[in-house]
Protein backbone atom coordinates (compact mmCIF):
# COMPACT_ATOMS: atom_id res chain seq x y z
CA MET A 1 118.89 -254.54 121.22
CA THR A 2 118.34 -257.76 123.09
CA GLN A 3 115.18 -259.17 124.64
CA ALA A 4 114.39 -258.55 128.31
CA ILE A 5 111.48 -257.67 130.56
CA ALA A 6 110.96 -253.91 130.80
CA PRO A 7 110.57 -252.38 134.28
CA GLY A 8 106.99 -251.77 135.40
CA PRO A 9 103.79 -251.41 133.39
CA VAL A 10 103.76 -249.10 130.37
CA VAL A 11 102.11 -245.87 131.54
CA LEU A 12 103.11 -243.03 129.23
CA GLY A 13 104.38 -239.73 130.59
CA ASP A 14 106.56 -236.86 129.48
CA PRO A 15 110.20 -237.57 128.56
CA GLY A 16 111.39 -234.67 130.76
CA THR A 17 110.50 -231.12 131.76
CA LEU A 18 108.87 -229.06 129.00
CA LEU A 19 110.86 -225.85 128.48
CA PHE A 20 109.35 -224.45 125.27
CA GLU A 21 106.80 -225.28 122.60
CA ASN A 22 105.41 -223.65 119.47
CA GLU A 23 103.89 -224.96 116.23
CA ARG A 24 107.30 -226.13 114.90
CA ILE A 25 109.35 -227.40 117.85
CA ARG A 26 109.07 -228.62 121.42
CA VAL A 27 112.05 -228.54 123.81
CA TRP A 28 112.36 -230.83 126.84
CA GLU A 29 115.08 -230.99 129.48
CA LEU A 30 115.98 -234.41 130.88
CA VAL A 31 118.21 -234.72 133.94
CA MET A 32 118.76 -238.22 135.37
CA LYS A 33 121.02 -238.83 138.35
CA PRO A 34 122.73 -242.22 138.68
CA GLY A 35 120.13 -244.96 139.08
CA GLU A 36 117.16 -242.75 138.12
CA ILE A 37 114.60 -243.89 135.55
CA CYS A 38 112.67 -241.56 133.26
CA ASN A 39 108.97 -241.95 132.43
CA TRP A 40 107.74 -244.33 129.76
CA HIS A 41 107.36 -242.13 126.69
CA VAL A 42 106.98 -242.15 122.91
CA HIS A 43 108.97 -239.94 120.54
CA GLU A 44 106.19 -238.98 118.14
CA TYR A 45 108.50 -236.59 116.23
CA ASP A 46 111.99 -236.77 114.79
CA HIS A 47 114.18 -235.12 117.41
CA LEU A 48 117.64 -233.91 118.32
CA LEU A 49 119.29 -234.96 121.56
CA VAL A 50 121.65 -232.23 122.73
CA VAL A 51 123.72 -233.98 125.39
CA MET A 52 125.57 -231.59 127.67
CA GLU A 53 126.65 -234.27 130.16
CA GLY A 54 126.55 -237.87 129.02
CA ALA A 55 126.24 -241.10 130.98
CA SER A 56 125.81 -244.86 130.59
CA ILE A 57 122.17 -245.54 129.73
CA GLU A 58 120.10 -248.73 129.79
CA ALA A 59 116.93 -248.56 127.69
CA TRP A 60 113.86 -250.75 127.36
CA ARG A 61 111.08 -250.73 124.77
CA ALA A 62 107.55 -251.97 125.29
CA ASP A 63 108.22 -254.84 122.84
CA GLY A 64 110.79 -256.20 125.34
CA SER A 65 113.92 -255.17 123.45
CA THR A 66 116.73 -253.51 125.41
CA GLY A 67 119.92 -251.65 124.75
CA LYS A 68 122.83 -250.12 126.61
CA LEU A 69 124.91 -247.22 125.39
CA ASP A 70 127.54 -244.87 126.69
CA ILE A 71 126.71 -241.31 125.65
CA PRO A 72 129.72 -238.96 125.75
CA ASP A 73 129.50 -235.34 126.90
CA ASN A 74 128.79 -232.58 124.35
CA GLN A 75 127.06 -234.65 121.67
CA VAL A 76 124.21 -233.83 119.31
CA LEU A 77 122.32 -236.84 117.96
CA TYR A 78 119.51 -237.04 115.40
CA ILE A 79 116.87 -239.64 116.33
CA PRO A 80 113.95 -240.54 114.03
CA ARG A 81 110.43 -240.74 115.43
CA THR A 82 109.08 -244.04 116.73
CA GLU A 83 105.73 -245.34 117.89
CA GLN A 84 107.41 -247.77 120.31
CA PRO A 85 107.11 -246.71 123.99
CA GLU A 86 110.47 -246.61 125.74
CA ILE A 87 112.02 -245.99 129.14
CA ALA A 88 115.64 -245.44 130.20
CA ARG A 89 117.76 -245.68 133.34
CA ASN A 90 121.01 -243.90 134.13
CA ALA A 91 123.31 -246.87 134.74
CA SER A 92 126.33 -244.70 135.61
CA ALA A 93 127.80 -244.96 139.08
CA SER A 94 128.52 -241.23 139.38
CA LYS A 95 127.55 -239.32 136.21
CA THR A 96 124.33 -237.30 135.90
CA LEU A 97 122.80 -237.26 132.41
CA ARG A 98 121.83 -233.75 131.24
CA GLU A 99 120.26 -233.35 127.82
CA LEU A 100 117.79 -231.35 125.80
CA ILE A 101 115.31 -233.18 123.59
CA ILE A 102 114.24 -231.00 120.66
CA ASP A 103 111.14 -232.41 118.96
CA LEU A 104 110.92 -231.35 115.30
CA LYS A 105 107.19 -231.03 114.73
CA ASP A 106 107.61 -229.86 111.11
CA ASP A 107 107.41 -232.88 108.75
CA HIS A 108 110.15 -231.37 106.58
CA ALA A 109 112.60 -230.76 109.43
CA GLU A 110 114.91 -233.75 108.86
CA PRO A 111 117.23 -232.10 106.27
CA THR A 112 117.62 -229.04 108.52
CA ALA A 113 118.24 -231.23 111.56
CA ARG A 114 120.92 -233.20 109.74
CA ALA A 115 122.59 -229.93 108.67
CA LEU A 116 122.56 -228.75 112.30
CA LEU A 117 124.39 -231.92 113.32
CA ARG A 118 127.35 -230.82 111.19
CA PHE A 119 127.11 -227.33 112.69
CA PHE A 120 127.48 -228.64 116.24
CA GLN A 121 130.29 -231.16 115.59
CA PRO A 122 133.62 -230.51 117.32
CA GLY A 123 136.06 -228.63 115.11
CA THR A 124 133.43 -226.90 112.97
CA ALA A 125 132.84 -223.17 112.87
CA THR A 126 129.97 -221.94 115.04
CA THR A 127 128.32 -218.62 115.67
CA SER A 128 130.85 -218.03 118.45
CA HIS A 129 133.39 -217.28 115.73
CA PRO A 130 133.24 -214.10 113.60
CA LEU A 131 131.77 -214.57 110.14
CA PRO A 132 134.06 -213.76 107.17
CA GLY A 133 133.44 -210.16 106.08
CA GLY A 134 131.19 -209.51 109.08
CA PRO A 135 131.74 -207.38 112.14
CA SER A 136 134.36 -208.74 114.52
């Protein structure tokens, strides 16, 4: 991350549209068209990003640091919690970012989340394939 001035004052909001919440997880949907900026937000929990359609993203943190990354389609990323407010902009010319943010509210969720990353990696068996010895 490099240093830069973040856009606008830091007024915290939701990172996307809340789809589901219980005592263990919270699921958000974030859709950003080219040029759109999400709300300032804080990731208070470790979380998984399930990226269905990736894009080029520019991000700013309240401390002034910035970053740019190209997120490919069909990725699952584990992101640790942070207290640093952040905001992001879809810097793509034509790609819409579509992702789910799955907050892991359980303090012991990290090992399970890391195991799920292997489950969702390309080329690994998933529940769409029959289990050995199970019904076909």
